[in-house]
């Protein structure tokens, strides 16, 4: 099963992505801030990560840079 992590603090955006992508082959997991996104990424090893640039605690660009430094991603 393909896992998609969406990091966004807007519930309607998360819902839109979930309704659009989720089916019997795709599981969507969501995080509302950067810390939760990094924790979920480490725990779930998602195949795709969608990051909101304007997360409440850090920018999605910073999260992306941190993930790129991690050899698991």
Protein backbone atom coordinates (compact mmCIF):
# COMPACT_ATOMS: atom_id res chain seq x y z
CA UNK A 1 0.00 0.00 0.00
CA UNK A 2 1.24 3.47 -0.90
CA UNK A 3 1.39 5.92 2.03
CA UNK A 4 0.99 9.66 1.51
CA UNK A 5 1.79 12.05 4.35
CA UNK A 6 0.18 15.46 4.16
CA UNK A 7 1.40 18.17 6.50
CA UNK A 8 -1.12 20.99 6.59
CA UNK A 9 -2.81 22.94 9.38
CA UNK A 10 -5.99 23.52 7.35
CA UNK A 11 -8.40 20.60 7.93
CA UNK A 12 -10.31 21.27 4.70
CA UNK A 13 -7.09 20.88 2.69
CA UNK A 14 -6.33 17.59 4.44
CA UNK A 15 -9.88 16.40 3.75
CA UNK A 16 -9.60 17.37 0.07
CA UNK A 17 -6.34 15.45 -0.36
CA UNK A 18 -7.73 12.47 1.55
CA UNK A 19 -10.92 12.32 -0.57
CA UNK A 20 -8.93 12.76 -3.77
CA UNK A 21 -6.19 10.20 -3.12
CA UNK A 22 -7.28 7.64 -0.57
CA UNK A 23 -8.58 4.27 -1.76
CA UNK A 24 -7.74 0.60 -1.23
CA UNK A 25 -4.21 1.19 -2.62
CA UNK A 26 -3.39 4.55 -1.02
CA UNK A 27 -3.41 5.44 2.67
CA UNK A 28 -3.28 9.11 3.67
CA UNK A 29 -1.83 10.14 7.04
CA UNK A 30 -1.95 13.74 8.21
CA UNK A 31 0.00 16.05 10.47
CA UNK A 32 -1.05 19.54 11.52
CA UNK A 33 2.43 20.92 12.13
CA UNK A 34 6.10 20.35 11.32
CA UNK A 35 6.92 18.41 14.49
CA UNK A 36 4.10 15.95 13.90
CA UNK A 37 5.04 15.63 10.23
CA UNK A 38 8.63 14.75 11.08
CA UNK A 39 7.48 12.24 13.70
CA UNK A 40 5.02 10.60 11.30
CA UNK A 41 7.61 10.52 8.53
CA UNK A 42 10.00 8.68 10.82
CA UNK A 43 7.35 6.26 12.04
CA UNK A 44 5.54 5.55 8.77
CA UNK A 45 8.22 6.02 6.07
CA UNK A 46 5.71 7.49 3.60
CA UNK A 47 6.16 7.10 -0.14
CA UNK A 48 5.06 10.70 -0.80
CA UNK A 49 5.11 13.75 1.49
CA UNK A 50 3.03 16.85 0.72
CA UNK A 51 4.15 19.86 2.77
CA UNK A 52 2.33 23.12 3.33
CA UNK A 53 4.82 25.97 3.09
CA UNK A 54 3.05 27.83 5.92
CA UNK A 55 2.98 25.33 8.79
CA UNK A 56 2.41 26.94 12.20
CA UNK A 57 5.70 25.95 13.84
CA UNK A 58 8.14 25.87 10.88
CA UNK A 59 7.95 26.32 7.16
CA UNK A 60 7.45 23.34 4.91
CA UNK A 61 10.68 24.33 3.16
CA UNK A 62 12.57 23.85 6.44
CA UNK A 63 10.88 20.49 6.99
CA UNK A 64 11.80 19.44 3.46
CA UNK A 65 15.44 20.41 4.08
CA UNK A 66 15.50 18.40 7.30
CA UNK A 67 14.00 15.37 5.58
CA UNK A 68 16.53 15.62 2.75
CA UNK A 69 19.38 15.50 5.28
CA UNK A 70 18.04 12.22 6.64
CA UNK A 71 19.35 9.26 4.57
CA UNK A 72 16.04 7.41 5.06
CA UNK A 73 14.39 9.96 2.80
